[in-house]
PDB file of N, CA and C in Angstrom:
ATOM      1  N   MET A   1       0.835  -1.180   0.000  1.00  0.00           N
ATOM      2  CA  MET A   1       0.000   0.000   0.000  1.00  0.00           C
ATOM      3  C   MET A   1       0.883   1.248   0.000  1.00  0.00           C
ATOM      4  N   ILE A   2       0.588   2.152  -0.902  1.00  0.00           N
ATOM      5  CA  ILE A   2       1.358   3.388  -1.022  1.00  0.00           C
ATOM      6  C   ILE A   2       0.877   4.370   0.053  1.00  0.00           C
ATOM      7  N   PRO A   3       1.800   5.030   0.762  1.00  0.00           N
ATOM      8  CA  PRO A   3       1.401   6.022   1.766  1.00  0.00           C
ATOM      9  C   PRO A   3       0.616   7.181   1.124  1.00  0.00           C
ATOM     10  N   GLU A   4      -0.287   7.758   1.899  1.00  0.00           N
ATOM     11  CA  GLU A   4      -1.149   8.845   1.418  1.00  0.00           C
ATOM     12  C   GLU A   4      -0.343  10.016   0.848  1.00  0.00           C
ATOM     13  N   THR A   5       0.755  10.366   1.495  1.00  0.00           N
ATOM     14  CA  THR A   5       1.568  11.478   0.999  1.00  0.00           C
ATOM     15  C   THR A   5       2.133  11.182  -0.382  1.00  0.00           C
ATOM     16  N   GLN A   6       2.521   9.942  -0.604  1.00  0.00           N
ATOM     17  CA  GLN A   6       3.061   9.577  -1.910  1.00  0.00           C
ATOM     18  C   GLN A   6       1.959   9.549  -2.966  1.00  0.00           C
ATOM     19  N   ILE A   7       0.744   9.126  -2.593  1.00  0.00           N
ATOM     20  CA  ILE A   7      -0.402   9.144  -3.520  1.00  0.00           C
ATOM     21  C   ILE A   7      -0.602  10.559  -4.043  1.00  0.00           C
ATOM     22  N   HIS A   8      -0.616  11.530  -3.137  1.00  0.00           N
ATOM     23  CA  HIS A   8      -0.847  12.919  -3.536  1.00  0.00           C
ATOM     24  C   HIS A   8       0.320  13.478  -4.348  1.00  0.00           C
ATOM     25  N   MET A   9       1.531  13.056  -4.024  1.00  0.00           N
ATOM     26  CA  MET A   9       2.686  13.504  -4.790  1.00  0.00           C
ATOM     27  C   MET A   9       2.606  12.962  -6.231  1.00  0.00           C
ATOM     28  N   ILE A  10       2.274  11.690  -6.378  1.00  0.00           N
ATOM     29  CA  ILE A  10       2.135  11.077  -7.709  1.00  0.00           C
ATOM     30  C   ILE A  10       1.020  11.775  -8.483  1.00  0.00           C
ATOM     31  N   ALA A  11      -0.120  11.993  -7.820  1.00  0.00           N
ATOM     32  CA  ALA A  11      -1.262  12.646  -8.467  1.00  0.00           C
ATOM     33  C   ALA A  11      -0.883  14.044  -8.953  1.00  0.00           C
ATOM     34  N   ARG A  12      -0.208  14.804  -8.112  1.00  0.00           N
ATOM     35  CA  ARG A  12       0.193  16.173  -8.482  1.00  0.00           C
ATOM     36  C   ARG A  12       1.167  16.157  -9.667  1.00  0.00           C
ATOM     37  N   GLN A  13       2.128  15.251  -9.638  1.00  0.00           N
ATOM     38  CA  GLN A  13       3.101  15.163 -10.728  1.00  0.00           C
ATOM     39  C   GLN A  13       2.426  14.771 -12.042  1.00  0.00           C
ATOM     40  N   MET A  14       1.483  13.841 -11.974  1.00  0.00           N
ATOM     41  CA  MET A  14       0.781  13.427 -13.188  1.00  0.00           C
ATOM     42  C   MET A  14      -0.047  14.580 -13.757  1.00  0.00           C
ATOM     43  N   LEU A  15      -0.721  15.332 -12.881  1.00  0.00           N
ATOM     44  CA  LEU A  15      -1.513  16.471 -13.349  1.00  0.00           C
ATOM     45  C   LEU A  15      -0.626  17.544 -13.977  1.00  0.00           C
ATOM     46  N   GLU A  16       0.527  17.806 -13.368  1.00  0.00           N
ATOM     47  CA  GLU A  16       1.449  18.802 -13.914  1.00  0.00           C
ATOM     48  C   GLU A  16       1.960  18.386 -15.283  1.00  0.00           C
ATOM     49  N   LYS A  17       2.215  17.108 -15.458  1.00  0.00           N
ATOM     50  CA  LYS A  17       2.794  16.621 -16.707  1.00  0.00           C
ATOM     51  C   LYS A  17       1.752  16.447 -17.808  1.00  0.00           C
ATOM     52  N   HIS A  18       0.564  15.919 -17.448  1.00  0.00           N
ATOM     53  CA  HIS A  18      -0.418  15.541 -18.469  1.00  0.00           C
ATOM     54  C   HIS A  18      -1.714  16.342 -18.426  1.00  0.00           C
ATOM     55  N   GLY A  19      -1.859  17.239 -17.468  1.00  0.00           N
ATOM     56  CA  GLY A  19      -3.115  17.963 -17.332  1.00  0.00           C
ATOM     57  C   GLY A  19      -4.214  17.009 -16.877  1.00  0.00           C
ATOM     58  N   PHE A  20      -5.467  17.383 -17.171  1.00  0.00           N
ATOM     59  CA  PHE A  20      -6.587  16.576 -16.691  1.00  0.00           C
ATOM     60  C   PHE A  20      -6.717  15.250 -17.429  1.00  0.00           C
ATOM     61  N   GLU A  21      -5.987  15.060 -18.508  1.00  0.00           N
ATOM     62  CA  GLU A  21      -5.938  13.762 -19.185  1.00  0.00           C
ATOM     63  C   GLU A  21      -5.339  12.707 -18.248  1.00  0.00           C
ATOM     64  N   ALA A  22      -4.574  13.146 -17.251  1.00  0.00           N
ATOM     65  CA  ALA A  22      -3.961  12.228 -16.296  1.00  0.00           C
ATOM     66  C   ALA A  22      -5.016  11.449 -15.519  1.00  0.00           C
ATOM     67  N   ILE A  23      -6.183  12.045 -15.298  1.00  0.00           N
ATOM     68  CA  ILE A  23      -7.252  11.352 -14.574  1.00  0.00           C
ATOM     69  C   ILE A  23      -7.705  10.141 -15.384  1.00  0.00           C
ATOM     70  N   ALA A  24      -7.917  10.346 -16.678  1.00  0.00           N
ATOM     71  CA  ALA A  24      -8.318   9.232 -17.550  1.00  0.00           C
ATOM     72  C   ALA A  24      -7.208   8.190 -17.634  1.00  0.00           C
ATOM     73  N   HIS A  25      -5.976   8.642 -17.644  1.00  0.00           N
ATOM     74  CA  HIS A  25      -4.834   7.721 -17.698  1.00  0.00           C
ATOM     75  C   HIS A  25      -4.815   6.820 -16.450  1.00  0.00           C
ATOM     76  N   ALA A  26      -5.040   7.407 -15.286  1.00  0.00           N
ATOM     77  CA  ALA A  26      -5.070   6.625 -14.051  1.00  0.00           C
ATOM     78  C   ALA A  26      -6.225   5.627 -14.074  1.00  0.00           C
ATOM     79  N   ALA A  27      -7.365   6.047 -14.606  1.00  0.00           N
ATOM     80  CA  ALA A  27      -8.520   5.146 -14.697  1.00  0.00           C
ATOM     81  C   ALA A  27      -8.226   3.966 -15.625  1.00  0.00           C
ATOM     82  N   ARG A  28      -7.563   4.252 -16.752  1.00  0.00           N
ATOM     83  CA  ARG A  28      -7.192   3.173 -17.678  1.00  0.00           C
ATOM     84  C   ARG A  28      -6.208   2.206 -17.023  1.00  0.00           C
ATOM     85  N   ASN A  29      -5.257   2.741 -16.275  1.00  0.00           N
ATOM     86  CA  ASN A  29      -4.301   1.880 -15.569  1.00  0.00           C
ATOM     87  C   ASN A  29      -5.026   0.990 -14.560  1.00  0.00           C
ATOM     88  N   ALA A  30      -5.988   1.558 -13.857  1.00  0.00           N
ATOM     89  CA  ALA A  30      -6.753   0.781 -12.881  1.00  0.00           C
ATOM     90  C   ALA A  30      -7.532  -0.332 -13.574  1.00  0.00           C
ATOM     91  N   GLN A  31      -8.164  -0.025 -14.696  1.00  0.00           N
ATOM     92  CA  GLN A  31      -8.910  -1.036 -15.439  1.00  0.00           C
ATOM     93  C   GLN A  31      -7.992  -2.149 -15.931  1.00  0.00           C
ATOM     94  N   ALA A  32      -6.815  -1.775 -16.411  1.00  0.00           N
ATOM     95  CA  ALA A  32      -5.860  -2.773 -16.891  1.00  0.00           C
ATOM     96  C   ALA A  32      -5.436  -3.697 -15.752  1.00  0.00           C
ATOM     97  N   CYS A  33      -5.202  -3.133 -14.587  1.00  0.00           N
ATOM     98  CA  CYS A  33      -4.814  -3.953 -13.433  1.00  0.00           C
ATOM     99  C   CYS A  33      -5.956  -4.867 -13.010  1.00  0.00           C
ATOM    100  N   GLU A  34      -7.172  -4.335 -13.032  1.00  0.00           N
ATOM    101  CA  GLU A  34      -8.334  -5.146 -12.663  1.00  0.00           C
ATOM    102  C   GLU A  34      -8.511  -6.316 -13.625  1.00  0.00           C
ATOM    103  N   SER A  35      -8.301  -6.056 -14.908  1.00  0.00           N
ATOM    104  CA  SER A  35      -8.469  -7.132 -15.892  1.00  0.00           C
ATOM    105  C   SER A  35      -7.396  -8.215 -15.743  1.00  0.00           C
ATOM    106  N   LYS A  36      -6.233  -7.839 -15.192  1.00  0.00           N
ATOM    107  CA  LYS A  36      -5.173  -8.814 -14.937  1.00  0.00           C
ATOM    108  C   LYS A  36      -5.335  -9.485 -13.579  1.00  0.00           C
ATOM    109  N   GLY A  37      -6.331  -9.033 -12.797  1.00  0.00           N
ATOM    110  CA  GLY A  37      -6.565  -9.615 -11.489  1.00  0.00           C
ATOM    111  C   GLY A  37      -5.708  -9.028 -10.383  1.00  0.00           C
ATOM    112  N   ASP A  38      -5.047  -7.913 -10.650  1.00  0.00           N
ATOM    113  CA  ASP A  38      -4.191  -7.267  -9.650  1.00  0.00           C
ATOM    114  C   ASP A  38      -5.004  -6.199  -8.926  1.00  0.00           C
ATOM    115  N   SER A  39      -5.791  -6.641  -7.962  1.00  0.00           N
ATOM    116  CA  SER A  39      -6.714  -5.723  -7.286  1.00  0.00           C
ATOM    117  C   SER A  39      -6.000  -4.705  -6.406  1.00  0.00           C
ATOM    118  N   GLU A  40      -4.862  -5.056  -5.841  1.00  0.00           N
ATOM    119  CA  GLU A  40      -4.123  -4.127  -4.981  1.00  0.00           C
ATOM    120  C   GLU A  40      -3.607  -2.938  -5.793  1.00  0.00           C
ATOM    121  N   GLU A  41      -2.975  -3.215  -6.923  1.00  0.00           N
ATOM    122  CA  GLU A  41      -2.462  -2.126  -7.758  1.00  0.00           C
ATOM    123  C   GLU A  41      -3.612  -1.313  -8.341  1.00  0.00           C
ATOM    124  N   ALA A  42      -4.701  -1.981  -8.710  1.00  0.00           N
ATOM    125  CA  ALA A  42      -5.880  -1.275  -9.223  1.00  0.00           C
ATOM    126  C   ALA A  42      -6.420  -0.324  -8.167  1.00  0.00           C
ATOM    127  N   ARG A  43      -6.456  -0.757  -6.915  1.00  0.00           N
ATOM    128  CA  ARG A  43      -6.926   0.091  -5.819  1.00  0.00           C
ATOM    129  C   ARG A  43      -6.036   1.327  -5.664  1.00  0.00           C
ATOM    130  N   GLU A  44      -4.729   1.142  -5.828  1.00  0.00           N
ATOM    131  CA  GLU A  44      -3.814   2.279  -5.729  1.00  0.00           C
ATOM    132  C   GLU A  44      -4.052   3.275  -6.865  1.00  0.00           C
ATOM    133  N   TRP A  45      -4.268   2.772  -8.092  1.00  0.00           N
ATOM    134  CA  TRP A  45      -4.550   3.669  -9.212  1.00  0.00           C
ATOM    135  C   TRP A  45      -5.873   4.412  -8.999  1.00  0.00           C
ATOM    136  N   ARG A  46      -6.878   3.732  -8.442  1.00  0.00           N
ATOM    137  CA  ARG A  46      -8.160   4.390  -8.149  1.00  0.00           C
ATOM    138  C   ARG A  46      -7.965   5.481  -7.094  1.00  0.00           C
ATOM    139  N   HIS A  47      -7.093   5.224  -6.140  1.00  0.00           N
ATOM    140  CA  HIS A  47      -6.787   6.212  -5.105  1.00  0.00           C
ATOM    141  C   HIS A  47      -6.105   7.435  -5.723  1.00  0.00           C
ATOM    142  N   ILE A  48      -5.164   7.203  -6.627  1.00  0.00           N
ATOM    143  CA  ILE A  48      -4.494   8.306  -7.329  1.00  0.00           C
ATOM    144  C   ILE A  48      -5.508   9.076  -8.167  1.00  0.00           C
ATOM    145  N   GLU A  49      -6.380   8.367  -8.857  1.00  0.00           N
ATOM    146  CA  GLU A  49      -7.426   9.004  -9.659  1.00  0.00           C
ATOM    147  C   GLU A  49      -8.307   9.894  -8.781  1.00  0.00           C
ATOM    148  N   ALA A  50      -8.718   9.388  -7.626  1.00  0.00           N
ATOM    149  CA  ALA A  50      -9.559  10.164  -6.712  1.00  0.00           C
ATOM    150  C   ALA A  50      -8.833  11.408  -6.209  1.00  0.00           C
ATOM    151  N   ALA A  51      -7.543  11.270  -5.915  1.00  0.00           N
ATOM    152  CA  ALA A  51      -6.762  12.422  -5.453  1.00  0.00           C
ATOM    153  C   ALA A  51      -6.693  13.498  -6.527  1.00  0.00           C
ATOM    154  N   MET A  52      -6.531  13.091  -7.787  1.00  0.00           N
ATOM    155  CA  MET A  52      -6.483  14.068  -8.885  1.00  0.00           C
ATOM    156  C   MET A  52      -7.830  14.763  -9.050  1.00  0.00           C
ATOM    157  N   LYS A  53      -8.922  14.034  -8.860  1.00  0.00           N
ATOM    158  CA  LYS A  53     -10.248  14.640  -8.974  1.00  0.00           C
ATOM    159  C   LYS A  53     -10.459  15.684  -7.885  1.00  0.00           C
ATOM    160  N   ILE A  54      -9.945  15.411  -6.693  1.00  0.00           N
ATOM    161  CA  ILE A  54     -10.034  16.397  -5.612  1.00  0.00           C
ATOM    162  C   ILE A  54      -9.218  17.628  -5.959  1.00  0.00           C
ATOM    163  N   MET A  55      -8.016  17.427  -6.488  1.00  0.00           N
ATOM    164  CA  MET A  55      -7.153  18.551  -6.872  1.00  0.00           C
ATOM    165  C   MET A  55      -7.780  19.378  -7.981  1.00  0.00           C
ATOM    166  N   ARG A  56      -8.500  18.710  -8.874  1.00  0.00           N
ATOM    167  CA  ARG A  56      -9.159  19.399  -9.993  1.00  0.00           C
ATOM    168  C   ARG A  56     -10.249  20.330  -9.491  1.00  0.00           C
ATOM    169  N   GLY A  57     -10.922  19.933  -8.436  1.00  0.00           N
ATOM    170  CA  GLY A  57     -12.029  20.724  -7.899  1.00  0.00           C
ATOM    171  C   GLY A  57     -13.348  20.301  -8.530  1.00  0.00           C
ATOM    172  N   PRO A  58     -14.433  20.945  -8.116  1.00  0.00           N
ATOM    173  CA  PRO A  58     -15.761  20.557  -8.612  1.00  0.00           C
ATOM    174  C   PRO A  58     -15.922  20.888 -10.096  1.00  0.00           C
ATOM    175  N   ASN A  59     -16.764  20.079 -10.742  1.00  0.00           N
ATOM    176  CA  ASN A  59     -17.094  20.347 -12.152  1.00  0.00           C
ATOM    177  C   ASN A  59     -17.944  21.605 -12.238  1.00  0.00           C
ATOM    178  N   GLN A  60     -17.752  22.352 -13.287  1.00  0.00           N
ATOM    179  CA  GLN A  60     -18.559  23.550 -13.500  1.00  0.00           C
ATOM    180  C   GLN A  60     -19.501  23.314 -14.658  1.00  0.00           C
ATOM    181  N   SER A  61     -20.667  23.935 -14.577  1.00  0.00           N
ATOM    182  CA  SER A  61     -21.623  23.775 -15.657  1.00  0.00           C
ATOM    183  C   SER A  61     -21.835  25.086 -16.382  1.00  0.00           C
TER     184      SER A  61
END
């Protein structure tokens, strides 16, 4: 399990490098891990995805 501080550091770095496309990238990584049966790594990618969504802030209409 990745520590919470590292989750947020990874999320921030991905957002800086890829913008909001990083959220979709994390989701794809999670799906790939789930399809391989690696639930632990998939859970970590979902956690990173959630952290990026928080950093992004609420959706605007």
